[in-house]
Amino acid sequence: MGKLNKILAQVQEHQRVIEKLSEKNFIDKIEAICRLIVDTIKRGNKVLLFGNGGSASDAQHIAAEFTGRFVKNRKAYPAIALTTDTSAITAISNDYGFERIFARQIEALAQTGDVVIGISTSGNSPNVILGLHEAKKQACKLIGFTGNDGGQMKDICDYCLTVDSDITARIQEAHILIGHIICSAIDDLC
């Protein structure tokens, strides 16, 4: 396959994955998540986000859109990416193991009524799973961004957005689009 064919194949696969997001059941879940997050912010609670690697970057990106701005100038909204505190991450990893980096931060920072967004393209990242379990104990609402078949996250989260792909890059591209849709709803509704 030539270089142009490889590029075209990637563009077409991206389009296929993004097109699947327009199915009614997926749109209904995104709408419900937008309402949940808007209600959470209006109640005075916050959004906590986490993931590994590219998903950590997505968590940080989405949190920054909440605390900064997405499109319009508005007040800042409370969101924290648990992937940004290197001292906490390294200390917790050293003392409790890498699997506990999000669970310990959730134990310290989450309050009843907060929304927790776990991001894992496989749906099976042990530290994301443990973080979600801890959030459930704290009576938070759980949202999962995942791919493949949803992994373990589909059985843990209140809402699990499972992107129909097993290609990490395509899943992450869809995750950031979903994150931007949620940020747009917050701009419009908060």
N, C-alpha and C. Protein backbone atom coordinates (compact mmCIF):
# COMPACT_ATOMS: atom_id res chain seq x y z
N MET A 1 0.86 -1.18 0.00
CA MET A 1 0.00 0.00 0.00
C MET A 1 0.90 1.23 0.00
N GLY A 2 0.65 2.16 -0.90
CA GLY A 2 1.42 3.39 -0.97
C GLY A 2 1.10 4.33 0.17
N LYS A 3 1.95 5.36 0.33
CA LYS A 3 1.76 6.33 1.42
C LYS A 3 0.41 7.01 1.34
N LEU A 4 0.00 7.41 0.14
CA LEU A 4 -1.30 8.08 0.00
C LEU A 4 -2.44 7.15 0.37
N ASN A 5 -2.33 5.88 0.02
CA ASN A 5 -3.37 4.92 0.39
C ASN A 5 -3.45 4.73 1.90
N LYS A 6 -2.29 4.73 2.57
CA LYS A 6 -2.28 4.61 4.04
C LYS A 6 -2.93 5.83 4.69
N ILE A 7 -2.64 6.98 4.17
CA ILE A 7 -3.24 8.20 4.69
C ILE A 7 -4.75 8.16 4.49
N LEU A 8 -5.17 7.84 3.28
CA LEU A 8 -6.60 7.77 2.98
C LEU A 8 -7.30 6.74 3.87
N ALA A 9 -6.66 5.61 4.09
CA ALA A 9 -7.26 4.57 4.94
C ALA A 9 -7.46 5.08 6.37
N GLN A 10 -6.50 5.85 6.88
CA GLN A 10 -6.64 6.40 8.23
C GLN A 10 -7.75 7.44 8.30
N VAL A 11 -7.82 8.29 7.28
CA VAL A 11 -8.89 9.29 7.25
C VAL A 11 -10.25 8.60 7.18
N GLN A 12 -10.37 7.59 6.36
CA GLN A 12 -11.65 6.87 6.22
C GLN A 12 -12.01 6.14 7.51
N GLU A 13 -11.04 5.56 8.19
CA GLU A 13 -11.33 4.89 9.46
C GLU A 13 -11.76 5.91 10.51
N HIS A 14 -11.11 7.07 10.54
CA HIS A 14 -11.52 8.15 11.44
C HIS A 14 -12.97 8.54 11.16
N GLN A 15 -13.31 8.71 9.90
CA GLN A 15 -14.68 9.10 9.54
C GLN A 15 -15.69 8.03 9.96
N ARG A 16 -15.34 6.76 9.79
CA ARG A 16 -16.23 5.68 10.18
C ARG A 16 -16.50 5.71 11.69
N VAL A 17 -15.44 5.89 12.46
CA VAL A 17 -15.57 5.91 13.92
C VAL A 17 -16.40 7.12 14.36
N ILE A 18 -16.12 8.28 13.82
CA ILE A 18 -16.85 9.50 14.20
C ILE A 18 -18.31 9.40 13.77
N GLU A 19 -18.57 8.83 12.60
CA GLU A 19 -19.95 8.65 12.12
C GLU A 19 -20.78 7.82 13.10
N LYS A 20 -20.16 6.81 13.72
CA LYS A 20 -20.87 5.95 14.68
C LYS A 20 -21.34 6.74 15.91
N LEU A 21 -20.67 7.86 16.20
CA LEU A 21 -21.06 8.69 17.35
C LEU A 21 -22.41 9.34 17.13
N SER A 22 -22.87 9.41 15.89
CA SER A 22 -24.14 10.08 15.59
C SER A 22 -25.35 9.14 15.76
N GLU A 23 -25.11 7.89 16.13
CA GLU A 23 -26.23 6.98 16.36
C GLU A 23 -27.02 7.44 17.57
N LYS A 24 -28.32 7.25 17.53
CA LYS A 24 -29.22 7.79 18.54
C LYS A 24 -28.85 7.39 19.96
N ASN A 25 -28.54 6.13 20.19
CA ASN A 25 -28.23 5.72 21.56
C ASN A 25 -26.97 6.42 22.08
N PHE A 26 -26.01 6.69 21.21
CA PHE A 26 -24.81 7.40 21.63
C PHE A 26 -25.12 8.86 21.91
N ILE A 27 -25.89 9.49 21.03
CA ILE A 27 -26.29 10.89 21.23
C ILE A 27 -27.08 11.02 22.53
N ASP A 28 -27.99 10.09 22.81
CA ASP A 28 -28.78 10.13 24.04
C ASP A 28 -27.89 10.07 25.27
N LYS A 29 -26.85 9.22 25.24
CA LYS A 29 -25.92 9.14 26.37
C LYS A 29 -25.16 10.44 26.54
N ILE A 30 -24.69 11.01 25.44
CA ILE A 30 -23.94 12.27 25.54
C ILE A 30 -24.84 13.37 26.10
N GLU A 31 -26.08 13.43 25.66
CA GLU A 31 -27.02 14.43 26.19
C GLU A 31 -27.23 14.24 27.69
N ALA A 32 -27.39 13.01 28.12
CA ALA A 32 -27.59 12.73 29.55
C ALA A 32 -26.35 13.13 30.35
N ILE A 33 -25.18 12.87 29.81
CA ILE A 33 -23.93 13.25 30.48
C ILE A 33 -23.81 14.76 30.57
N CYS A 34 -24.16 15.46 29.50
CA CYS A 34 -24.12 16.93 29.52
C CYS A 34 -25.04 17.46 30.61
N ARG A 35 -26.26 16.94 30.69
CA ARG A 35 -27.20 17.38 31.74
C ARG A 35 -26.64 17.09 33.13
N LEU A 36 -26.07 15.90 33.31
CA LEU A 36 -25.50 15.52 34.61
C LEU A 36 -24.39 16.49 35.01
N ILE A 37 -23.49 16.80 34.09
CA ILE A 37 -22.37 17.68 34.43
C ILE A 37 -22.85 19.10 34.69
N VAL A 38 -23.78 19.59 33.89
CA VAL A 38 -24.33 20.93 34.12
C VAL A 38 -25.00 20.99 35.49
N ASP A 39 -25.83 19.99 35.82
CA ASP A 39 -26.49 19.95 37.13
C ASP A 39 -25.46 19.88 38.27
N THR A 40 -24.41 19.11 38.05
CA THR A 40 -23.35 18.97 39.06
C THR A 40 -22.69 20.31 39.33
N ILE A 41 -22.34 21.03 38.28
CA ILE A 41 -21.69 22.34 38.44
C ILE A 41 -22.65 23.33 39.10
N LYS A 42 -23.90 23.34 38.66
CA LYS A 42 -24.88 24.27 39.25
C LYS A 42 -25.10 23.99 40.73
N ARG A 43 -24.94 22.76 41.15
CA ARG A 43 -25.08 22.37 42.56
C ARG A 43 -23.86 22.75 43.39
N GLY A 44 -22.77 23.13 42.73
CA GLY A 44 -21.56 23.50 43.45
C GLY A 44 -20.56 22.37 43.57
N ASN A 45 -20.80 21.26 42.87
CA ASN A 45 -19.84 20.17 42.88
C ASN A 45 -18.85 20.33 41.72
N LYS A 46 -17.94 19.38 41.61
CA LYS A 46 -16.86 19.48 40.62
C LYS A 46 -16.77 18.22 39.77
N VAL A 47 -15.90 18.30 38.76
CA VAL A 47 -15.62 17.20 37.86
C VAL A 47 -14.15 16.81 38.04
N LEU A 48 -13.91 15.53 38.26
CA LEU A 48 -12.55 14.99 38.39
C LEU A 48 -12.32 14.06 37.21
N LEU A 49 -11.16 14.19 36.56
CA LEU A 49 -10.87 13.41 35.35
C LEU A 49 -9.50 12.74 35.48
N PHE A 50 -9.36 11.56 34.87
CA PHE A 50 -8.07 10.88 34.87
C PHE A 50 -7.98 9.82 33.79
N GLY A 51 -6.76 9.50 33.43
CA GLY A 51 -6.45 8.47 32.45
C GLY A 51 -4.94 8.36 32.33
N ASN A 52 -4.46 7.46 31.49
CA ASN A 52 -3.02 7.23 31.30
C ASN A 52 -2.59 7.65 29.90
N GLY A 53 -1.36 8.12 29.77
CA GLY A 53 -0.80 8.43 28.46
C GLY A 53 -1.62 9.48 27.72
N GLY A 54 -2.05 9.15 26.50
CA GLY A 54 -2.88 10.08 25.72
C GLY A 54 -4.18 10.39 26.43
N SER A 55 -4.71 9.44 27.18
CA SER A 55 -5.94 9.67 27.94
C SER A 55 -5.70 10.64 29.10
N ALA A 56 -4.48 10.64 29.65
CA ALA A 56 -4.12 11.64 30.67
C ALA A 56 -4.15 13.03 30.05
N SER A 57 -3.60 13.13 28.84
CA SER A 57 -3.62 14.41 28.12
C SER A 57 -5.05 14.86 27.84
N ASP A 58 -5.91 13.91 27.46
CA ASP A 58 -7.31 14.25 27.22
C ASP A 58 -7.98 14.74 28.50
N ALA A 59 -7.68 14.10 29.63
CA ALA A 59 -8.24 14.54 30.91
C ALA A 59 -7.81 15.98 31.21
N GLN A 60 -6.55 16.28 30.99
CA GLN A 60 -6.03 17.62 31.23
C GLN A 60 -6.66 18.62 30.27
N HIS A 61 -6.78 18.25 29.03
CA HIS A 61 -7.36 19.13 28.01
C HIS A 61 -8.80 19.50 28.38
N ILE A 62 -9.60 18.50 28.73
CA ILE A 62 -11.01 18.76 29.07
C ILE A 62 -11.11 19.60 30.34
N ALA A 63 -10.32 19.27 31.36
CA ALA A 63 -10.34 20.05 32.60
C ALA A 63 -9.97 21.50 32.34
N ALA A 64 -9.01 21.73 31.45
CA ALA A 64 -8.60 23.11 31.13
C ALA A 64 -9.72 23.87 30.43
N GLU A 65 -10.51 23.18 29.62
CA GLU A 65 -11.64 23.84 28.96
C GLU A 65 -12.68 24.28 29.99
N PHE A 66 -12.84 23.53 31.07
CA PHE A 66 -13.78 23.89 32.14
C PHE A 66 -13.26 25.09 32.93
N THR A 67 -12.01 25.04 33.35
CA THR A 67 -11.48 26.09 34.22
C THR A 67 -11.09 27.35 33.46
N GLY A 68 -10.73 27.19 32.21
CA GLY A 68 -10.42 28.34 31.36
C GLY A 68 -11.68 28.77 30.65
N ARG A 69 -11.73 28.47 29.40
CA ARG A 69 -12.94 28.69 28.63
C ARG A 69 -12.89 27.77 27.43
N PHE A 70 -14.06 27.47 26.89
CA PHE A 70 -14.11 26.67 25.68
C PHE A 70 -14.21 27.62 24.50
N VAL A 71 -15.40 28.18 24.25
CA VAL A 71 -15.57 29.13 23.15
C VAL A 71 -15.88 30.52 23.68
N LYS A 72 -16.87 30.60 24.55
CA LYS A 72 -17.27 31.93 25.01
C LYS A 72 -16.67 32.25 26.38
N ASN A 73 -16.53 33.55 26.62
CA ASN A 73 -16.06 33.98 27.93
C ASN A 73 -17.18 33.76 28.94
N ARG A 74 -16.84 33.09 30.02
CA ARG A 74 -17.80 32.77 31.07
C ARG A 74 -16.99 32.54 32.34
N LYS A 75 -17.70 32.36 33.44
CA LYS A 75 -16.97 32.09 34.68
C LYS A 75 -16.29 30.72 34.60
N ALA A 76 -15.28 30.52 35.40
CA ALA A 76 -14.56 29.25 35.44
C ALA A 76 -15.42 28.21 36.17
N TYR A 77 -15.33 26.97 35.71
CA TYR A 77 -16.06 25.87 36.34
C TYR A 77 -15.09 24.86 36.92
N PRO A 78 -15.46 24.25 38.05
CA PRO A 78 -14.53 23.41 38.79
C PRO A 78 -14.29 22.04 38.14
N ALA A 79 -13.06 21.84 37.70
CA ALA A 79 -12.64 20.56 37.14
C ALA A 79 -11.17 20.36 37.47
N ILE A 80 -10.81 19.13 37.80
CA ILE A 80 -9.43 18.81 38.17
C ILE A 80 -9.01 17.56 37.42
N ALA A 81 -7.89 17.67 36.71
CA ALA A 81 -7.28 16.48 36.10
C ALA A 81 -6.32 15.89 37.13
N LEU A 82 -6.55 14.66 37.53
CA LEU A 82 -5.72 14.02 38.56
C LEU A 82 -4.40 13.52 37.99
N THR A 83 -4.10 13.91 36.78
CA THR A 83 -2.88 13.46 36.10
C THR A 83 -1.78 14.51 36.13
N THR A 84 -2.01 15.64 36.78
CA THR A 84 -1.08 16.77 36.66
C THR A 84 -0.16 16.96 37.86
N ASP A 85 -0.43 16.35 38.98
CA ASP A 85 0.38 16.55 40.18
C ASP A 85 1.45 15.47 40.25
N THR A 86 2.63 15.77 39.69
CA THR A 86 3.69 14.76 39.62
C THR A 86 4.18 14.32 41.00
N SER A 87 4.15 15.22 41.96
CA SER A 87 4.56 14.83 43.31
C SER A 87 3.60 13.80 43.91
N ALA A 88 2.30 14.05 43.75
CA ALA A 88 1.31 13.08 44.25
C ALA A 88 1.42 11.76 43.49
N ILE A 89 1.53 11.82 42.18
CA ILE A 89 1.60 10.60 41.38
C ILE A 89 2.82 9.77 41.75
N THR A 90 3.97 10.41 41.88
CA THR A 90 5.19 9.64 42.19
C THR A 90 5.19 9.16 43.63
N ALA A 91 4.70 9.97 44.57
CA ALA A 91 4.65 9.53 45.97
C ALA A 91 3.68 8.37 46.15
N ILE A 92 2.50 8.49 45.58
CA ILE A 92 1.51 7.42 45.70
C ILE A 92 2.02 6.16 45.01
N SER A 93 2.62 6.30 43.83
CA SER A 93 3.17 5.13 43.14
C SER A 93 4.25 4.46 43.98
N ASN A 94 5.10 5.25 44.57
CA ASN A 94 6.18 4.72 45.39
C ASN A 94 5.66 4.02 46.64
N ASP A 95 4.69 4.64 47.31
CA ASP A 95 4.21 4.13 48.59
C ASP A 95 3.11 3.09 48.47
N TYR A 96 2.27 3.19 47.45
CA TYR A 96 1.09 2.32 47.35
C TYR A 96 1.02 1.52 46.04
N GLY A 97 1.84 1.87 45.07
CA GLY A 97 1.81 1.21 43.77
C GLY A 97 1.09 2.07 42.75
N PHE A 98 1.50 1.92 41.49
CA PHE A 98 0.95 2.72 40.39
C PHE A 98 -0.55 2.53 40.27
N GLU A 99 -1.05 1.36 40.60
CA GLU A 99 -2.48 1.09 40.46
C GLU A 99 -3.34 1.99 41.35
N ARG A 100 -2.76 2.57 42.39
CA ARG A 100 -3.53 3.36 43.36
C ARG A 100 -3.45 4.88 43.13
N ILE A 101 -2.78 5.33 42.05
CA ILE A 101 -2.56 6.78 41.91
C ILE A 101 -3.85 7.58 41.83
N PHE A 102 -4.86 7.04 41.19
CA PHE A 102 -6.12 7.79 41.09
C PHE A 102 -7.02 7.52 42.28
N ALA A 103 -7.04 6.31 42.78
CA ALA A 103 -7.89 5.96 43.92
C ALA A 103 -7.54 6.82 45.14
N ARG A 104 -6.25 6.98 45.42
CA ARG A 104 -5.84 7.79 46.58
C ARG A 104 -6.26 9.25 46.40
N GLN A 105 -6.10 9.78 45.19
CA GLN A 105 -6.49 11.17 44.96
C GLN A 105 -8.01 11.34 45.04
N ILE A 106 -8.74 10.36 44.54
CA ILE A 106 -10.21 10.40 44.67
C ILE A 106 -10.59 10.35 46.14
N GLU A 107 -9.95 9.48 46.90
CA GLU A 107 -10.24 9.39 48.34
C GLU A 107 -10.04 10.75 49.01
N ALA A 108 -9.02 11.48 48.60
CA ALA A 108 -8.71 12.77 49.21
C ALA A 108 -9.58 13.91 48.70
N LEU A 109 -9.95 13.90 47.43
CA LEU A 109 -10.55 15.07 46.80
C LEU A 109 -12.03 14.97 46.46
N ALA A 110 -12.52 13.77 46.25
CA ALA A 110 -13.91 13.61 45.79
C ALA A 110 -14.89 13.80 46.93
N GLN A 111 -16.04 14.36 46.59
CA GLN A 111 -17.13 14.53 47.54
C GLN A 111 -18.40 13.96 46.91
N THR A 112 -19.32 13.57 47.77
CA THR A 112 -20.60 13.09 47.27
C THR A 112 -21.20 14.09 46.30
N GLY A 113 -21.64 13.59 45.15
CA GLY A 113 -22.25 14.45 44.15
C GLY A 113 -21.30 14.93 43.06
N ASP A 114 -20.00 14.71 43.23
CA ASP A 114 -19.06 15.06 42.17
C ASP A 114 -19.24 14.10 40.99
N VAL A 115 -18.77 14.52 39.84
CA VAL A 115 -18.71 13.66 38.66
C VAL A 115 -17.26 13.26 38.46
N VAL A 116 -17.05 11.98 38.22
CA VAL A 116 -15.71 11.46 37.95
C VAL A 116 -15.70 10.86 36.55
N ILE A 117 -14.74 11.32 35.74
CA ILE A 117 -14.60 10.81 34.38
C ILE A 117 -13.30 10.03 34.28
N GLY A 118 -13.43 8.73 34.07
CA GLY A 118 -12.28 7.86 33.84
C GLY A 118 -12.13 7.63 32.35
N ILE A 119 -10.91 7.77 31.85
CA ILE A 119 -10.66 7.62 30.42
C ILE A 119 -9.64 6.48 30.21
N SER A 120 -10.05 5.48 29.45
CA SER A 120 -9.17 4.34 29.15
C SER A 120 -9.61 3.75 27.82
N THR A 121 -8.73 3.73 26.84
CA THR A 121 -9.12 3.23 25.53
C THR A 121 -9.50 1.75 25.57
N SER A 122 -8.88 1.00 26.49
CA SER A 122 -9.22 -0.43 26.62
C SER A 122 -10.39 -0.66 27.57
N GLY A 123 -10.59 0.27 28.49
CA GLY A 123 -11.60 0.08 29.53
C GLY A 123 -11.12 -0.81 30.65
N ASN A 124 -9.83 -1.15 30.66
CA ASN A 124 -9.31 -2.10 31.63
C ASN A 124 -8.07 -1.62 32.39
N SER A 125 -7.70 -0.37 32.28
CA SER A 125 -6.51 0.12 32.97
C SER A 125 -6.70 -0.03 34.48
N PRO A 126 -5.84 -0.79 35.16
CA PRO A 126 -6.06 -1.06 36.59
C PRO A 126 -6.18 0.20 37.45
N ASN A 127 -5.36 1.22 37.18
CA ASN A 127 -5.44 2.42 38.02
C ASN A 127 -6.72 3.21 37.76
N VAL A 128 -7.21 3.17 36.54
CA VAL A 128 -8.48 3.84 36.24
C VAL A 128 -9.63 3.07 36.90
N ILE A 129 -9.60 1.76 36.81
CA ILE A 129 -10.65 0.93 37.43
C ILE A 129 -10.68 1.15 38.93
N LEU A 130 -9.53 1.14 39.59
CA LEU A 130 -9.50 1.37 41.04
C LEU A 130 -9.97 2.77 41.40
N GLY A 131 -9.62 3.76 40.58
CA GLY A 131 -10.10 5.12 40.82
C GLY A 131 -11.61 5.22 40.72
N LEU A 132 -12.18 4.53 39.74
CA LEU A 132 -13.64 4.53 39.59
C LEU A 132 -14.31 3.82 40.76
N HIS A 133 -13.74 2.71 41.21
CA HIS A 133 -14.31 2.01 42.37
C HIS A 133 -14.29 2.91 43.62
N GLU A 134 -13.20 3.62 43.81
CA GLU A 134 -13.12 4.53 44.96
C GLU A 134 -14.16 5.65 44.82
N ALA A 135 -14.35 6.16 43.62
CA ALA A 135 -15.34 7.22 43.39
C ALA A 135 -16.75 6.71 43.67
N LYS A 136 -17.01 5.46 43.34
CA LYS A 136 -18.32 4.87 43.64
C LYS A 136 -18.54 4.84 45.15
N LYS A 137 -17.49 4.49 45.90
CA LYS A 137 -17.59 4.48 47.37
C LYS A 137 -17.89 5.87 47.91
N GLN A 138 -17.40 6.89 47.21
CA GLN A 138 -17.60 8.28 47.64
C GLN A 138 -18.94 8.84 47.15
N ALA A 139 -19.76 8.00 46.53
CA ALA A 139 -21.09 8.39 46.02
C ALA A 139 -20.99 9.47 44.93
N CYS A 140 -20.00 9.32 44.07
CA CYS A 140 -19.87 10.18 42.89
C CYS A 140 -20.61 9.53 41.72
N LYS A 141 -20.91 10.32 40.72
CA LYS A 141 -21.45 9.80 39.47
C LYS A 141 -20.26 9.48 38.56
N LEU A 142 -20.30 8.32 37.92
CA LEU A 142 -19.16 7.84 37.16
C LEU A 142 -19.44 7.84 35.66
N ILE A 143 -18.52 8.46 34.92
CA ILE A 143 -18.58 8.48 33.46
C ILE A 143 -17.31 7.83 32.95
N GLY A 144 -17.46 6.95 31.98
CA GLY A 144 -16.31 6.32 31.34
C GLY A 144 -16.24 6.69 29.88
N PHE A 145 -15.04 7.01 29.44
CA PHE A 145 -14.73 7.16 28.02
C PHE A 145 -13.83 5.98 27.69
N THR A 146 -14.25 5.12 26.78
CA THR A 146 -13.48 3.94 26.46
C THR A 146 -13.66 3.56 25.00
N GLY A 147 -13.13 2.43 24.62
CA GLY A 147 -13.26 1.92 23.26
C GLY A 147 -13.40 0.42 23.31
N ASN A 148 -13.07 -0.22 22.20
CA ASN A 148 -13.17 -1.68 22.11
C ASN A 148 -14.56 -2.13 22.52
N ASP A 149 -14.64 -3.02 23.51
CA ASP A 149 -15.94 -3.50 23.99
C ASP A 149 -16.34 -2.86 25.31
N GLY A 150 -15.61 -1.83 25.75
CA GLY A 150 -15.91 -1.14 27.00
C GLY A 150 -15.13 -1.68 28.18
N GLY A 151 -14.59 -2.89 28.05
CA GLY A 151 -13.82 -3.47 29.13
C GLY A 151 -14.59 -3.51 30.44
N GLN A 152 -13.87 -3.47 31.53
CA GLN A 152 -14.47 -3.49 32.86
C GLN A 152 -15.26 -2.22 33.16
N MET A 153 -14.89 -1.13 32.51
CA MET A 153 -15.53 0.15 32.79
C MET A 153 -17.03 0.13 32.49
N LYS A 154 -17.43 -0.62 31.49
CA LYS A 154 -18.86 -0.62 31.11
C LYS A 154 -19.75 -1.13 32.24
N ASP A 155 -19.19 -1.95 33.12
CA ASP A 155 -19.98 -2.49 34.24
C ASP A 155 -19.87 -1.65 35.51
N ILE A 156 -18.98 -0.68 35.52
CA ILE A 156 -18.74 0.14 36.71
C ILE A 156 -19.42 1.50 36.60
N CYS A 157 -19.37 2.09 35.41
CA CYS A 157 -19.78 3.49 35.23
C CYS A 157 -21.29 3.63 35.11
N ASP A 158 -21.79 4.78 35.57
CA ASP A 158 -23.19 5.14 35.37
C ASP A 158 -23.46 5.37 33.89
N TYR A 159 -22.51 5.99 33.22
CA TYR A 159 -22.56 6.23 31.77
C TYR A 159 -21.21 5.84 31.19
N CYS A 160 -21.22 4.93 30.24
CA CYS A 160 -19.98 4.53 29.59
C CYS A 160 -20.10 4.77 28.09
N LEU A 161 -19.28 5.68 27.60
CA LEU A 161 -19.24 5.98 26.17
C LEU A 161 -18.16 5.12 25.53
N THR A 162 -18.59 4.08 24.84
CA THR A 162 -17.67 3.12 24.23
C THR A 162 -17.57 3.40 22.74
N VAL A 163 -16.42 3.89 22.33
CA VAL A 163 -16.17 4.20 20.93
C VAL A 163 -15.94 2.88 20.18
N ASP A 164 -16.59 2.75 19.05
CA ASP A 164 -16.57 1.52 18.26
C ASP A 164 -15.29 1.41 17.45
N SER A 165 -14.18 1.09 18.12
CA SER A 165 -12.90 0.91 17.46
C SER A 165 -11.96 0.18 18.41
N ASP A 166 -10.97 -0.49 17.83
CA ASP A 166 -9.91 -1.06 18.65
C ASP A 166 -8.56 -0.41 18.32
N ILE A 167 -8.63 0.71 17.63
CA ILE A 167 -7.43 1.48 17.28
C ILE A 167 -7.33 2.65 18.26
N THR A 168 -6.30 2.64 19.08
CA THR A 168 -6.15 3.65 20.14
C THR A 168 -6.28 5.07 19.61
N ALA A 169 -5.60 5.39 18.51
CA ALA A 169 -5.65 6.76 17.97
C ALA A 169 -7.07 7.17 17.60
N ARG A 170 -7.81 6.29 16.96
CA ARG A 170 -9.19 6.62 16.57
C ARG A 170 -10.07 6.80 17.81
N ILE A 171 -9.87 5.97 18.82
CA ILE A 171 -10.65 6.09 20.05
C ILE A 171 -10.37 7.44 20.70
N GLN A 172 -9.10 7.82 20.80
CA GLN A 172 -8.74 9.09 21.42
C GLN A 172 -9.28 10.27 20.63
N GLU A 173 -9.29 10.18 19.30
CA GLU A 173 -9.86 11.26 18.49
C GLU A 173 -11.35 11.43 18.80
N ALA A 174 -12.04 10.32 18.97
CA ALA A 174 -13.47 10.40 19.32
C ALA A 174 -13.65 10.93 20.73
N HIS A 175 -12.78 10.53 21.66
CA HIS A 175 -12.89 11.01 23.04
C HIS A 175 -12.78 12.53 23.12
N ILE A 176 -11.85 13.10 22.37
CA ILE A 176 -11.69 14.55 22.47
C ILE A 176 -12.88 15.25 21.81
N LEU A 177 -13.45 14.69 20.76
CA LEU A 177 -14.67 15.26 20.19
C LEU A 177 -15.80 15.23 21.22
N ILE A 178 -15.97 14.11 21.90
CA ILE A 178 -17.01 14.00 22.94
C ILE A 178 -16.75 15.03 24.04
N GLY A 179 -15.49 15.15 24.45
CA GLY A 179 -15.15 16.15 25.47
C GLY A 179 -15.52 17.56 25.02
N HIS A 180 -15.26 17.87 23.77
CA HIS A 180 -15.60 19.20 23.25
C HIS A 180 -17.12 19.39 23.18
N ILE A 181 -17.86 18.36 22.86
CA ILE A 181 -19.32 18.46 22.86
C ILE A 181 -19.82 18.78 24.27
N ILE A 182 -19.26 18.12 25.25
CA ILE A 182 -19.64 18.39 26.66
C ILE A 182 -19.27 19.82 27.02
N CYS A 183 -18.10 20.28 26.62
CA CYS A 183 -17.70 21.66 26.92
C CYS A 183 -18.64 22.67 26.26
N SER A 184 -19.09 22.37 25.06
CA SER A 184 -20.05 23.24 24.38
C SER A 184 -21.35 23.33 25.15
N ALA A 185 -21.81 22.19 25.66
CA ALA A 185 -23.05 22.18 26.46
C ALA A 185 -22.89 23.02 27.72
N ILE A 186 -21.73 22.95 28.33
CA ILE A 186 -21.49 23.74 29.53
C ILE A 186 -21.48 25.24 29.19
N ASP A 187 -20.87 25.59 28.07
CA ASP A 187 -20.92 26.99 27.63
C ASP A 187 -22.37 27.46 27.47
N ASP A 188 -23.22 26.59 26.91
CA ASP A 188 -24.60 26.98 26.62
C ASP A 188 -25.54 26.93 27.82
N LEU A 189 -25.29 26.01 28.76
CA LEU A 189 -26.30 25.72 29.79
C LEU A 189 -25.94 26.17 31.20
N CYS A 190 -24.69 26.43 31.47
CA CYS A 190 -24.33 26.85 32.85
C CYS A 190 -24.46 28.34 33.03
